[in-house]
Amino acid sequence: MQRVGQLVEVPPLLRELGAEPATVLKRVGLSMADLADPERRLSYKSIAALLGESARASGCSHFGLLLGSRWRLEHMGLPGQLAASCATVGQALQTFTSLHWLNASGGVAYLGRSDGVTTLGYAVYEPGITDGLQHIYDCTLAIGVQMLRQLSGNGRWTPSVVRLARVRPPGARPYQQIFGAPIEFDAERSGLDFPTAFEYCRVPSADETRRRELDRLLAAVPREAMVLKLYRMIRVAMVFGLTSGDGVAAAMGLTRRTLNRRLGEHGTTFQAALATVRFEVARQLLRDTGMPVSQIALALGYAELAPFVRAFRRWSGQSPAGWRTSASRAA
């Protein structure tokens, strides 16, 4: 499920672009009431379908990008409020990404640091997304830029590089206008890179008293479901080239034996969860990017192409190249 949050901005944006919101929502099985409350929860698939249909109905191929550019911190609920109360941008990002699961269980915001570069990224692991994924990535990265501008108090801030796991759109000018940075399309992951030193910027809205109040609210929130947490952790680990059960268990604060036992209680295994996430990400990259199949295999954690091809045939009954051709024809 996904918290509505910034999706309350979909109807007014559709109107500005000359489309009737109620008609667009009806086509994907939603109503205006579904988007009236930021705290309401909708299925991740329905939101992806909504963005795809909104782009078609409005004739705006960068609909998700425009939607993300309208984002405000208050759209993000408790994780956003806690981030805004932190002392520095780095603390705010760490808080937000660690609590992002409160807002969504089909995609994950993540934070990475290496050689003086920080990456704020987003990755989808919800199975079976067939429409609107490119708009989700456009939207979330535009949100990322808006978030960093608001947290730092610098409305002109830009990242060093923007990477998008989608094909290059026919017109890239709106992307340049909103991001103000070099953009790499057909990337294996979607994220914003910027100097880690930026994390030391002070947050103008920092409020320690407010943060303690919000921490008390957070303490009353139920914990994340085990299997959903596993999918989330696998997807993030995959971004950084880590797919071992021991490594993922450690990231979850568990031993491998404890993880196996708890998954057994839910009727699944680590290998089954890993295969589910790998299959979904493989389909995303085959359908939405022009990445070579060999590169996709590496992105999924396979050392060689052949094991990936065998696994994909087992999952889908087709080779990766054959599936890509079929998906292209269906589109």
C-alpha atoms as a PDB file:
ATOM      1  CA  MET A   1       0.000   0.000   0.000  1.00  0.00           C
ATOM      2  CA  GLN A   2       1.001   3.620  -0.486  1.00  0.00           C
ATOM      3  CA  ARG A   3       0.027   6.686   1.517  1.00  0.00           C
ATOM      4  CA  VAL A   4      -1.707   9.234  -0.755  1.00  0.00           C
ATOM      5  CA  GLY A   5       0.527  12.107   0.392  1.00  0.00           C
ATOM      6  CA  GLN A   6       1.545  14.303  -2.558  1.00  0.00           C
ATOM      7  CA  LEU A   7      -0.998  12.555  -4.811  1.00  0.00           C
ATOM      8  CA  VAL A   8      -3.556  15.070  -3.554  1.00  0.00           C
ATOM      9  CA  GLU A   9      -1.923  17.304  -6.196  1.00  0.00           C
ATOM     10  CA  VAL A  10      -2.964  15.001  -9.079  1.00  0.00           C
ATOM     11  CA  PRO A  11      -6.483  16.464  -9.661  1.00  0.00           C
ATOM     12  CA  PRO A  12      -5.393  20.142  -9.817  1.00  0.00           C
ATOM     13  CA  LEU A  13      -2.461  19.253 -12.068  1.00  0.00           C
ATOM     14  CA  LEU A  14      -4.758  17.338 -14.426  1.00  0.00           C
ATOM     15  CA  ARG A  15      -7.092  20.335 -14.614  1.00  0.00           C
ATOM     16  CA  GLU A  16      -4.196  22.652 -15.445  1.00  0.00           C
ATOM     17  CA  LEU A  17      -3.222  20.301 -18.266  1.00  0.00           C
ATOM     18  CA  GLY A  18      -6.763  20.228 -19.676  1.00  0.00           C
ATOM     19  CA  ALA A  19      -7.912  16.786 -18.438  1.00  0.00           C
ATOM     20  CA  GLU A  20     -10.934  15.949 -16.274  1.00  0.00           C
ATOM     21  CA  PRO A  21      -9.680  14.379 -12.998  1.00  0.00           C
ATOM     22  CA  ALA A  22     -12.805  12.366 -12.192  1.00  0.00           C
ATOM     23  CA  THR A  23     -12.743  10.727 -15.625  1.00  0.00           C
ATOM     24  CA  VAL A  24      -9.048   9.836 -15.354  1.00  0.00           C
ATOM     25  CA  LEU A  25      -9.485   8.404 -11.860  1.00  0.00           C
ATOM     26  CA  LYS A  26     -12.483   6.336 -12.908  1.00  0.00           C
ATOM     27  CA  ARG A  27     -10.457   4.682 -15.678  1.00  0.00           C
ATOM     28  CA  VAL A  28      -8.103   3.194 -13.078  1.00  0.00           C
ATOM     29  CA  GLY A  29     -10.816   2.276 -10.578  1.00  0.00           C
ATOM     30  CA  LEU A  30     -10.400   5.282  -8.280  1.00  0.00           C
ATOM     31  CA  SER A  31     -12.551   8.246  -7.290  1.00  0.00           C
ATOM     32  CA  MET A  32     -11.912  11.839  -6.282  1.00  0.00           C
ATOM     33  CA  ALA A  33     -12.553  10.837  -2.668  1.00  0.00           C
ATOM     34  CA  ASP A  34      -9.608   8.434  -2.843  1.00  0.00           C
ATOM     35  CA  LEU A  35      -7.203  11.361  -3.268  1.00  0.00           C
ATOM     36  CA  ALA A  36      -8.867  13.809  -0.882  1.00  0.00           C
ATOM     37  CA  ASP A  37      -7.024  12.713   2.260  1.00  0.00           C
ATOM     38  CA  PRO A  38      -3.192  12.543   2.343  1.00  0.00           C
ATOM     39  CA  GLU A  39      -3.394   9.858   5.044  1.00  0.00           C
ATOM     40  CA  ARG A  40      -5.496   7.483   2.961  1.00  0.00           C
ATOM     41  CA  ARG A  41      -3.841   4.293   1.673  1.00  0.00           C
ATOM     42  CA  LEU A  42      -4.133   3.009  -1.888  1.00  0.00           C
ATOM     43  CA  SER A  43      -2.606  -0.007  -3.594  1.00  0.00           C
ATOM     44  CA  TYR A  44       0.791   0.631  -5.127  1.00  0.00           C
ATOM     45  CA  LYS A  45      -0.378  -0.773  -8.464  1.00  0.00           C
ATOM     46  CA  SER A  46      -3.363   1.576  -8.617  1.00  0.00           C
ATOM     47  CA  ILE A  47      -1.090   4.569  -8.048  1.00  0.00           C
ATOM     48  CA  ALA A  48       1.278   3.473 -10.804  1.00  0.00           C
ATOM     49  CA  ALA A  49      -1.707   3.006 -13.129  1.00  0.00           C
ATOM     50  CA  LEU A  50      -3.029   6.444 -12.153  1.00  0.00           C
ATOM     51  CA  LEU A  51       0.215   8.165 -13.124  1.00  0.00           C
ATOM     52  CA  GLY A  52       0.358   6.303 -16.414  1.00  0.00           C
ATOM     53  CA  GLU A  53      -3.249   7.176 -17.279  1.00  0.00           C
ATOM     54  CA  SER A  54      -2.759  10.785 -16.169  1.00  0.00           C
ATOM     55  CA  ALA A  55       0.164  11.144 -18.581  1.00  0.00           C
ATOM     56  CA  ARG A  56      -1.883   9.731 -21.464  1.00  0.00           C
ATOM     57  CA  ALA A  57      -5.031  11.738 -20.692  1.00  0.00           C
ATOM     58  CA  SER A  58      -3.157  15.026 -20.311  1.00  0.00           C
ATOM     59  CA  GLY A  59      -0.837  14.422 -23.254  1.00  0.00           C
ATOM     60  CA  CYS A  60       2.049  15.270 -20.897  1.00  0.00           C
ATOM     61  CA  SER A  61       4.769  12.622 -21.071  1.00  0.00           C
ATOM     62  CA  HIS A  62       6.516  14.125 -18.031  1.00  0.00           C
ATOM     63  CA  PHE A  63       3.416  14.184 -15.805  1.00  0.00           C
ATOM     64  CA  GLY A  64       5.226  12.427 -12.936  1.00  0.00           C
ATOM     65  CA  LEU A  65       8.032  14.982 -13.089  1.00  0.00           C
ATOM     66  CA  LEU A  66       5.582  17.892 -12.774  1.00  0.00           C
ATOM     67  CA  LEU A  67       3.752  16.146  -9.938  1.00  0.00           C
ATOM     68  CA  GLY A  68       6.972  15.620  -7.999  1.00  0.00           C
ATOM     69  CA  SER A  69       7.976  19.254  -8.447  1.00  0.00           C
ATOM     70  CA  ARG A  70       4.846  20.257  -6.470  1.00  0.00           C
ATOM     71  CA  TRP A  71       5.956  18.283  -3.424  1.00  0.00           C
ATOM     72  CA  ARG A  72       6.132  19.813   0.047  1.00  0.00           C
ATOM     73  CA  LEU A  73       7.442  18.326   3.307  1.00  0.00           C
ATOM     74  CA  GLU A  74       3.960  18.212   4.811  1.00  0.00           C
ATOM     75  CA  HIS A  75       2.995  15.718   2.114  1.00  0.00           C
ATOM     76  CA  MET A  76       5.259  13.113   3.749  1.00  0.00           C
ATOM     77  CA  GLY A  77       3.461  12.661   7.068  1.00  0.00           C
ATOM     78  CA  LEU A  78       5.411  11.527  10.129  1.00  0.00           C
ATOM     79  CA  PRO A  79       8.679  10.699   8.275  1.00  0.00           C
ATOM     80  CA  GLY A  80       8.653  14.159   6.682  1.00  0.00           C
ATOM     81  CA  GLN A  81       7.861  15.920   9.949  1.00  0.00           C
ATOM     82  CA  LEU A  82      10.684  14.112  11.731  1.00  0.00           C
ATOM     83  CA  ALA A  83      13.111  14.935   8.912  1.00  0.00           C
ATOM     84  CA  ALA A  84      12.175  18.617   9.077  1.00  0.00           C
ATOM     85  CA  SER A  85      12.890  18.711  12.818  1.00  0.00           C
ATOM     86  CA  CYS A  86      16.434  17.293  12.484  1.00  0.00           C
ATOM     87  CA  ALA A  87      19.518  19.484  12.917  1.00  0.00           C
ATOM     88  CA  THR A  88      21.308  18.715   9.629  1.00  0.00           C
ATOM     89  CA  VAL A  89      20.410  17.578   6.129  1.00  0.00           C
ATOM     90  CA  GLY A  90      22.291  14.311   6.661  1.00  0.00           C
ATOM     91  CA  GLN A  91      20.375  13.514   9.854  1.00  0.00           C
ATOM     92  CA  ALA A  92      17.134  14.401   8.095  1.00  0.00           C
ATOM     93  CA  LEU A  93      17.859  12.087   5.153  1.00  0.00           C
ATOM     94  CA  GLN A  94      18.884   9.240   7.456  1.00  0.00           C
ATOM     95  CA  THR A  95      15.662   9.670   9.424  1.00  0.00           C
ATOM     96  CA  PHE A  96      13.463   9.940   6.359  1.00  0.00           C
ATOM     97  CA  THR A  97      14.873   6.940   4.494  1.00  0.00           C
ATOM     98  CA  SER A  98      14.802   4.715   7.583  1.00  0.00           C
ATOM     99  CA  LEU A  99      11.128   5.547   8.123  1.00  0.00           C
ATOM    100  CA  HIS A 100       9.985   5.655   4.500  1.00  0.00           C
ATOM    101  CA  TRP A 101       8.318   2.242   4.947  1.00  0.00           C
ATOM    102  CA  LEU A 102       5.636   4.010   6.987  1.00  0.00           C
ATOM    103  CA  ASN A 103       4.457   5.666   3.761  1.00  0.00           C
ATOM    104  CA  ALA A 104       4.925   2.889   1.205  1.00  0.00           C
ATOM    105  CA  SER A 105       5.342  -0.867   1.005  1.00  0.00           C
ATOM    106  CA  GLY A 106       5.947  -1.194  -2.730  1.00  0.00           C
ATOM    107  CA  GLY A 107       8.969   1.041  -3.152  1.00  0.00           C
ATOM    108  CA  VAL A 108      11.875   2.080  -0.961  1.00  0.00           C
ATOM    109  CA  ALA A 109      13.854   5.295  -0.487  1.00  0.00           C
ATOM    110  CA  TYR A 110      17.497   4.599   0.256  1.00  0.00           C
ATOM    111  CA  LEU A 111      20.686   6.451   1.146  1.00  0.00           C
ATOM    112  CA  GLY A 112      24.226   5.496   0.150  1.00  0.00           C
ATOM    113  CA  ARG A 113      27.638   7.068   0.687  1.00  0.00           C
ATOM    114  CA  SER A 114      30.905   6.319  -1.106  1.00  0.00           C
ATOM    115  CA  ASP A 115      34.096   8.314  -1.782  1.00  0.00           C
ATOM    116  CA  GLY A 116      32.626  11.647  -0.755  1.00  0.00           C
ATOM    117  CA  VAL A 117      29.415  11.180  -2.770  1.00  0.00           C
ATOM    118  CA  THR A 118      25.963  10.635  -1.279  1.00  0.00           C
ATOM    119  CA  THR A 119      23.162   8.989  -3.243  1.00  0.00           C
ATOM    120  CA  LEU A 120      19.503   9.521  -2.398  1.00  0.00           C
ATOM    121  CA  GLY A 121      17.582   6.970  -4.430  1.00  0.00           C
ATOM    122  CA  TYR A 122      14.318   5.170  -4.895  1.00  0.00           C
ATOM    123  CA  ALA A 123      13.644   1.601  -6.015  1.00  0.00           C
ATOM    124  CA  VAL A 124      10.380  -0.253  -6.682  1.00  0.00           C
ATOM    125  CA  TYR A 125       9.963  -3.882  -5.616  1.00  0.00           C
ATOM    126  CA  GLU A 126       6.171  -4.286  -5.853  1.00  0.00           C
ATOM    127  CA  PRO A 127       5.548  -7.268  -8.189  1.00  0.00           C
ATOM    128  CA  GLY A 128       3.554  -6.889 -11.377  1.00  0.00           C
ATOM    129  CA  ILE A 129       3.836  -3.157 -12.122  1.00  0.00           C
ATOM    130  CA  THR A 130       3.090  -2.955 -15.838  1.00  0.00           C
ATOM    131  CA  ASP A 131       2.125   0.694 -16.291  1.00  0.00           C
ATOM    132  CA  GLY A 132       3.382   3.994 -14.942  1.00  0.00           C
ATOM    133  CA  LEU A 133       6.704   2.917 -13.466  1.00  0.00           C
ATOM    134  CA  GLN A 134       8.702   5.540 -15.379  1.00  0.00           C
ATOM    135  CA  HIS A 135       6.379   8.210 -13.982  1.00  0.00           C
ATOM    136  CA  ILE A 136       6.930   6.912 -10.447  1.00  0.00           C
ATOM    137  CA  TYR A 137      10.686   7.317 -10.861  1.00  0.00           C
ATOM    138  CA  ASP A 138      10.292  10.753 -12.456  1.00  0.00           C
ATOM    139  CA  CYS A 139       8.053  11.817  -9.578  1.00  0.00           C
ATOM    140  CA  THR A 140      10.160  10.444  -6.738  1.00  0.00           C
ATOM    141  CA  LEU A 141      13.402  11.989  -7.969  1.00  0.00           C
ATOM    142  CA  ALA A 142      11.708  15.353  -8.473  1.00  0.00           C
ATOM    143  CA  ILE A 143      10.461  14.953  -4.903  1.00  0.00           C
ATOM    144  CA  GLY A 144      14.030  14.217  -3.818  1.00  0.00           C
ATOM    145  CA  VAL A 145      15.258  17.490  -5.285  1.00  0.00           C
ATOM    146  CA  GLN A 146      12.413  19.422  -3.687  1.00  0.00           C
ATOM    147  CA  MET A 147      13.088  17.728  -0.347  1.00  0.00           C
ATOM    148  CA  LEU A 148      16.764  18.658  -0.360  1.00  0.00           C
ATOM    149  CA  ARG A 149      15.977  22.233  -1.341  1.00  0.00           C
ATOM    150  CA  GLN A 150      13.448  22.583   1.460  1.00  0.00           C
ATOM    151  CA  LEU A 151      15.580  20.845   4.092  1.00  0.00           C
ATOM    152  CA  SER A 152      18.615  23.014   3.281  1.00  0.00           C
ATOM    153  CA  GLY A 153      16.674  26.229   2.764  1.00  0.00           C
ATOM    154  CA  ASN A 154      18.371  26.586  -0.619  1.00  0.00           C
ATOM    155  CA  GLY A 155      15.715  26.782  -3.315  1.00  0.00           C
ATOM    156  CA  ARG A 156      18.349  26.762  -6.072  1.00  0.00           C
ATOM    157  CA  TRP A 157      20.211  23.632  -4.941  1.00  0.00           C
ATOM    158  CA  THR A 158      20.933  21.048  -7.640  1.00  0.00           C
ATOM    159  CA  PRO A 159      22.415  17.530  -7.501  1.00  0.00           C
ATOM    160  CA  SER A 160      25.672  16.611  -9.216  1.00  0.00           C
ATOM    161  CA  VAL A 161      24.087  13.857 -11.328  1.00  0.00           C
ATOM    162  CA  VAL A 162      20.576  12.457 -11.777  1.00  0.00           C
ATOM    163  CA  ARG A 163      20.145   8.815 -12.799  1.00  0.00           C
ATOM    164  CA  LEU A 164      16.823   7.423 -14.029  1.00  0.00           C
ATOM    165  CA  ALA A 165      16.006   3.767 -14.687  1.00  0.00           C
ATOM    166  CA  ARG A 166      13.929   4.592 -17.741  1.00  0.00           C
ATOM    167  CA  VAL A 167      14.432   5.202 -21.438  1.00  0.00           C
ATOM    168  CA  ARG A 168      15.272   8.723 -22.517  1.00  0.00           C
ATOM    169  CA  PRO A 169      11.967  10.544 -23.167  1.00  0.00           C
ATOM    170  CA  PRO A 170      11.308  12.281 -26.521  1.00  0.00           C
ATOM    171  CA  GLY A 171      11.702  15.676 -24.878  1.00  0.00           C
ATOM    172  CA  ALA A 172      14.263  15.946 -22.072  1.00  0.00           C
ATOM    173  CA  ARG A 173      14.131  19.718 -21.606  1.00  0.00           C
ATOM    174  CA  PRO A 174      11.596  19.625 -18.698  1.00  0.00           C
ATOM    175  CA  TYR A 175      13.922  17.246 -16.847  1.00  0.00           C
ATOM    176  CA  GLN A 176      16.831  19.635 -17.247  1.00  0.00           C
ATOM    177  CA  GLN A 177      14.687  22.535 -16.060  1.00  0.00           C
ATOM    178  CA  ILE A 178      13.562  20.768 -12.895  1.00  0.00           C
ATOM    179  CA  PHE A 179      16.775  18.946 -11.970  1.00  0.00           C
ATOM    180  CA  GLY A 180      19.276  21.513 -13.237  1.00  0.00           C
ATOM    181  CA  ALA A 181      21.935  18.798 -13.454  1.00  0.00           C
ATOM    182  CA  PRO A 182      23.355  16.215 -15.887  1.00  0.00           C
ATOM    183  CA  ILE A 183      20.871  13.367 -16.370  1.00  0.00           C
ATOM    184  CA  GLU A 184      21.685   9.747 -17.177  1.00  0.00           C
ATOM    185  CA  PHE A 185      18.762   7.783 -18.618  1.00  0.00           C
ATOM    186  CA  ASP A 186      18.737   3.978 -19.049  1.00  0.00           C
ATOM    187  CA  ALA A 187      20.435   3.674 -15.657  1.00  0.00           C
ATOM    188  CA  GLU A 188      20.228   0.503 -13.566  1.00  0.00           C
ATOM    189  CA  ARG A 189      18.997   2.523 -10.591  1.00  0.00           C
ATOM    190  CA  SER A 190      17.214   5.834  -9.965  1.00  0.00           C
ATOM    191  CA  GLY A 191      18.875   8.339  -7.681  1.00  0.00           C
ATOM    192  CA  LEU A 192      20.419  11.739  -7.041  1.00  0.00           C
ATOM    193  CA  ASP A 193      24.175  12.064  -6.441  1.00  0.00           C
ATOM    194  CA  PHE A 194      25.629  15.024  -4.545  1.00  0.00           C
ATOM    195  CA  PRO A 195      28.712  15.822  -2.415  1.00  0.00           C
ATOM    196  CA  THR A 196      28.473  14.247   1.041  1.00  0.00           C
ATOM    197  CA  ALA A 197      29.641  17.573   2.490  1.00  0.00           C
ATOM    198  CA  PHE A 198      26.168  18.929   1.671  1.00  0.00           C
ATOM    199  CA  GLU A 199      24.778  16.718   4.433  1.00  0.00           C
ATOM    200  CA  TYR A 200      26.330  19.052   7.028  1.00  0.00           C
ATOM    201  CA  CYS A 201      24.036  21.913   6.022  1.00  0.00           C
ATOM    202  CA  ARG A 202      21.778  23.053   8.848  1.00  0.00           C
ATOM    203  CA  VAL A 203      18.017  22.531   8.536  1.00  0.00           C
ATOM    204  CA  PRO A 204      16.215  25.889   9.086  1.00  0.00           C
ATOM    205  CA  SER A 205      13.182  24.163  10.640  1.00  0.00           C
ATOM    206  CA  ALA A 206      15.266  22.129  13.133  1.00  0.00           C
ATOM    207  CA  ASP A 207      13.432  21.772  16.449  1.00  0.00           C
ATOM    208  CA  GLU A 208      14.675  19.366  19.110  1.00  0.00           C
ATOM    209  CA  THR A 209      11.533  19.727  21.239  1.00  0.00           C
ATOM    210  CA  ARG A 210       9.332  18.982  18.257  1.00  0.00           C
ATOM    211  CA  ARG A 211      11.494  15.992  17.318  1.00  0.00           C
ATOM    212  CA  ARG A 212      11.079  14.464  20.791  1.00  0.00           C
ATOM    213  CA  GLU A 213       7.299  14.897  20.528  1.00  0.00           C
ATOM    214  CA  LEU A 214       7.298  13.156  17.149  1.00  0.00           C
ATOM    215  CA  ASP A 215       9.521  10.371  18.497  1.00  0.00           C
ATOM    216  CA  ARG A 216       6.832   9.626  21.074  1.00  0.00           C
ATOM    217  CA  LEU A 217       4.283   9.291  18.258  1.00  0.00           C
ATOM    218  CA  LEU A 218       6.662   7.058  16.368  1.00  0.00           C
ATOM    219  CA  ALA A 219       7.077   4.751  19.362  1.00  0.00           C
ATOM    220  CA  ALA A 220       3.368   3.919  19.180  1.00  0.00           C
ATOM    221  CA  VAL A 221       3.507   2.853  15.513  1.00  0.00           C
ATOM    222  CA  PRO A 222       3.346  -0.941  14.901  1.00  0.00           C
ATOM    223  CA  ARG A 223       6.501  -2.544  13.519  1.00  0.00           C
ATOM    224  CA  GLU A 224       6.905  -3.318   9.846  1.00  0.00           C
ATOM    225  CA  ALA A 225       5.745  -6.781   8.760  1.00  0.00           C
ATOM    226  CA  MET A 226       8.654  -9.243   8.496  1.00  0.00           C
ATOM    227  CA  VAL A 227       8.148 -10.317   4.870  1.00  0.00           C
ATOM    228  CA  LEU A 228       7.612  -6.765   3.610  1.00  0.00           C
ATOM    229  CA  LYS A 229      10.751  -5.657   5.448  1.00  0.00           C
ATOM    230  CA  LEU A 230      12.668  -8.496   3.817  1.00  0.00           C
ATOM    231  CA  TYR A 231      11.555  -7.456   0.321  1.00  0.00           C
ATOM    232  CA  ARG A 232      12.568  -3.872   1.094  1.00  0.00           C
ATOM    233  CA  MET A 233      15.972  -4.866   2.428  1.00  0.00           C
ATOM    234  CA  ILE A 234      16.658  -7.176  -0.526  1.00  0.00           C
ATOM    235  CA  ARG A 235      15.845  -4.391  -2.977  1.00  0.00           C
ATOM    236  CA  VAL A 236      18.179  -1.941  -1.262  1.00  0.00           C
ATOM    237  CA  ALA A 237      20.924  -4.568  -0.935  1.00  0.00           C
ATOM    238  CA  MET A 238      20.599  -5.308  -4.660  1.00  0.00           C
ATOM    239  CA  VAL A 239      21.206  -1.642  -5.474  1.00  0.00           C
ATOM    240  CA  PHE A 240      24.581  -1.937  -3.774  1.00  0.00           C
ATOM    241  CA  GLY A 241      25.446  -5.318  -5.297  1.00  0.00           C
ATOM    242  CA  LEU A 242      24.689  -7.405  -2.194  1.00  0.00           C
ATOM    243  CA  THR A 243      22.332 -10.372  -2.430  1.00  0.00           C
ATOM    244  CA  SER A 244      23.600 -12.857   0.179  1.00  0.00           C
ATOM    245  CA  GLY A 245      21.209 -14.080   2.833  1.00  0.00           C
ATOM    246  CA  ASP A 246      23.771 -13.518   5.578  1.00  0.00           C
ATOM    247  CA  GLY A 247      24.302  -9.913   4.507  1.00  0.00           C
ATOM    248  CA  VAL A 248      20.590  -9.102   4.319  1.00  0.00           C
ATOM    249  CA  ALA A 249      19.955 -10.784   7.683  1.00  0.00           C
ATOM    250  CA  ALA A 250      22.717  -8.702   9.266  1.00  0.00           C
ATOM    251  CA  ALA A 251      21.203  -5.519   7.772  1.00  0.00           C
ATOM    252  CA  MET A 252      17.920  -6.481   9.442  1.00  0.00           C
ATOM    253  CA  GLY A 253      19.702  -6.972  12.774  1.00  0.00           C
ATOM    254  CA  LEU A 254      19.201 -10.746  12.709  1.00  0.00           C
ATOM    255  CA  THR A 255      21.294 -13.877  12.387  1.00  0.00           C
ATOM    256  CA  ARG A 256      20.676 -15.956   9.270  1.00  0.00           C
ATOM    257  CA  ARG A 257      19.216 -18.736  11.422  1.00  0.00           C
ATOM    258  CA  THR A 258      16.751 -16.368  13.075  1.00  0.00           C
ATOM    259  CA  LEU A 259      15.765 -14.905   9.710  1.00  0.00           C
ATOM    260  CA  ASN A 260      15.154 -18.382   8.272  1.00  0.00           C
ATOM    261  CA  ARG A 261      13.064 -19.352  11.276  1.00  0.00           C
ATOM    262  CA  ARG A 262      10.890 -16.255  11.129  1.00  0.00           C
ATOM    263  CA  LEU A 263      10.402 -16.574   7.377  1.00  0.00           C
ATOM    264  CA  GLY A 264       9.426 -20.209   7.887  1.00  0.00           C
ATOM    265  CA  GLU A 265       6.720 -19.018  10.249  1.00  0.00           C
ATOM    266  CA  HIS A 266       5.373 -16.945   7.342  1.00  0.00           C
ATOM    267  CA  GLY A 267       5.577 -19.829   4.883  1.00  0.00           C
ATOM    268  CA  THR A 268       8.447 -18.512   2.764  1.00  0.00           C
ATOM    269  CA  THR A 269      12.242 -18.549   2.445  1.00  0.00           C
ATOM    270  CA  PHE A 270      14.975 -16.057   1.708  1.00  0.00           C
ATOM    271  CA  GLN A 271      15.614 -17.615  -1.703  1.00  0.00           C
ATOM    272  CA  ALA A 272      11.930 -17.348  -2.621  1.00  0.00           C
ATOM    273  CA  ALA A 273      11.852 -13.669  -1.625  1.00  0.00           C
ATOM    274  CA  LEU A 274      15.094 -12.985  -3.504  1.00  0.00           C
ATOM    275  CA  ALA A 275      13.689 -14.633  -6.656  1.00  0.00           C
ATOM    276  CA  THR A 276      10.494 -12.543  -6.400  1.00  0.00           C
ATOM    277  CA  VAL A 277      12.415  -9.278  -6.162  1.00  0.00           C
ATOM    278  CA  ARG A 278      14.901 -10.269  -8.863  1.00  0.00           C
ATOM    279  CA  PHE A 279      12.127 -11.210 -11.292  1.00  0.00           C
ATOM    280  CA  GLU A 280      10.328  -7.911 -10.759  1.00  0.00           C
ATOM    281  CA  VAL A 281      13.474  -5.806 -11.148  1.00  0.00           C
ATOM    282  CA  ALA A 282      14.496  -7.809 -14.220  1.00  0.00           C
ATOM    283  CA  ARG A 283      11.148  -7.069 -15.871  1.00  0.00           C
ATOM    284  CA  GLN A 284      11.407  -3.389 -14.971  1.00  0.00           C
ATOM    285  CA  LEU A 285      14.851  -3.020 -16.519  1.00  0.00           C
ATOM    286  CA  LEU A 286      13.968  -5.077 -19.599  1.00  0.00           C
ATOM    287  CA  ARG A 287      10.755  -3.154 -20.232  1.00  0.00           C
ATOM    288  CA  ASP A 288      11.646   0.389 -19.178  1.00  0.00           C
ATOM    289  CA  THR A 289      15.322   0.748 -20.113  1.00  0.00           C
ATOM    290  CA  GLY A 290      17.588  -0.072 -23.026  1.00  0.00           C
ATOM    291  CA  MET A 291      20.207  -1.717 -20.810  1.00  0.00           C
ATOM    292  CA  PRO A 292      21.931  -4.755 -22.364  1.00  0.00           C
ATOM    293  CA  VAL A 293      20.780  -8.067 -20.878  1.00  0.00           C
ATOM    294  CA  SER A 294      24.312  -8.773 -19.647  1.00  0.00           C
ATOM    295  CA  GLN A 295      24.313  -5.525 -17.685  1.00  0.00           C
ATOM    296  CA  ILE A 296      20.909  -6.326 -16.194  1.00  0.00           C
ATOM    297  CA  ALA A 297      22.267  -9.667 -15.006  1.00  0.00           C
ATOM    298  CA  LEU A 298      25.048  -7.856 -13.146  1.00  0.00           C
ATOM    299  CA  ALA A 299      22.571  -5.376 -11.654  1.00  0.00           C
ATOM    300  CA  LEU A 300      20.609  -8.311 -10.224  1.00  0.00           C
ATOM    301  CA  GLY A 301      23.675  -9.780  -8.561  1.00  0.00           C
ATOM    302  CA  TYR A 302      24.578 -12.494 -11.072  1.00  0.00           C
ATOM    303  CA  ALA A 303      28.290 -12.921 -11.754  1.00  0.00           C
ATOM    304  CA  GLU A 304      27.579 -14.234 -15.275  1.00  0.00           C
ATOM    305  CA  LEU A 305      24.838 -13.969 -17.881  1.00  0.00           C
ATOM    306  CA  ALA A 306      24.002 -17.692 -18.190  1.00  0.00           C
ATOM    307  CA  PRO A 307      22.604 -18.181 -14.621  1.00  0.00           C
ATOM    308  CA  PHE A 308      20.372 -15.134 -15.085  1.00  0.00           C
ATOM    309  CA  VAL A 309      19.027 -16.425 -18.412  1.00  0.00           C
ATOM    310  CA  ARG A 310      18.250 -19.819 -16.848  1.00  0.00           C
ATOM    311  CA  ALA A 311      16.519 -18.220 -13.870  1.00  0.00           C
ATOM    312  CA  PHE A 312      14.486 -15.878 -16.080  1.00  0.00           C
ATOM    313  CA  ARG A 313      13.324 -18.788 -18.238  1.00  0.00           C
ATOM    314  CA  ARG A 314      12.236 -20.575 -15.066  1.00  0.00           C
ATOM    315  CA  TRP A 315      10.293 -17.526 -13.887  1.00  0.00           C
ATOM    316  CA  SER A 316       8.662 -16.494 -17.166  1.00  0.00           C
ATOM    317  CA  GLY A 317       9.025 -19.333 -19.668  1.00  0.00           C
ATOM    318  CA  GLN A 318      10.962 -17.004 -21.994  1.00  0.00           C
ATOM    319  CA  SER A 319      14.504 -15.751 -22.412  1.00  0.00           C
ATOM    320  CA  PRO A 320      15.124 -12.166 -21.209  1.00  0.00           C
ATOM    321  CA  ALA A 321      15.537 -10.975 -24.810  1.00  0.00           C
ATOM    322  CA  GLY A 322      12.349 -12.752 -25.895  1.00  0.00           C
ATOM    323  CA  TRP A 323      10.393 -11.297 -22.975  1.00  0.00           C
ATOM    324  CA  ARG A 324      11.671  -7.798 -23.807  1.00  0.00           C
ATOM    325  CA  THR A 325      10.497  -8.154 -27.397  1.00  0.00           C
ATOM    326  CA  SER A 326       7.063  -9.374 -26.298  1.00  0.00           C
ATOM    327  CA  ALA A 327       6.717  -6.532 -23.789  1.00  0.00           C
ATOM    328  CA  SER A 328       7.691  -3.988 -26.436  1.00  0.00           C
ATOM    329  CA  ARG A 329       5.057  -5.304 -28.835  1.00  0.00           C
ATOM    330  CA  ALA A 330       2.388  -5.258 -26.105  1.00  0.00           C
ATOM    331  CA  ALA A 331       3.163  -1.627 -25.322  1.00  0.00           C
END
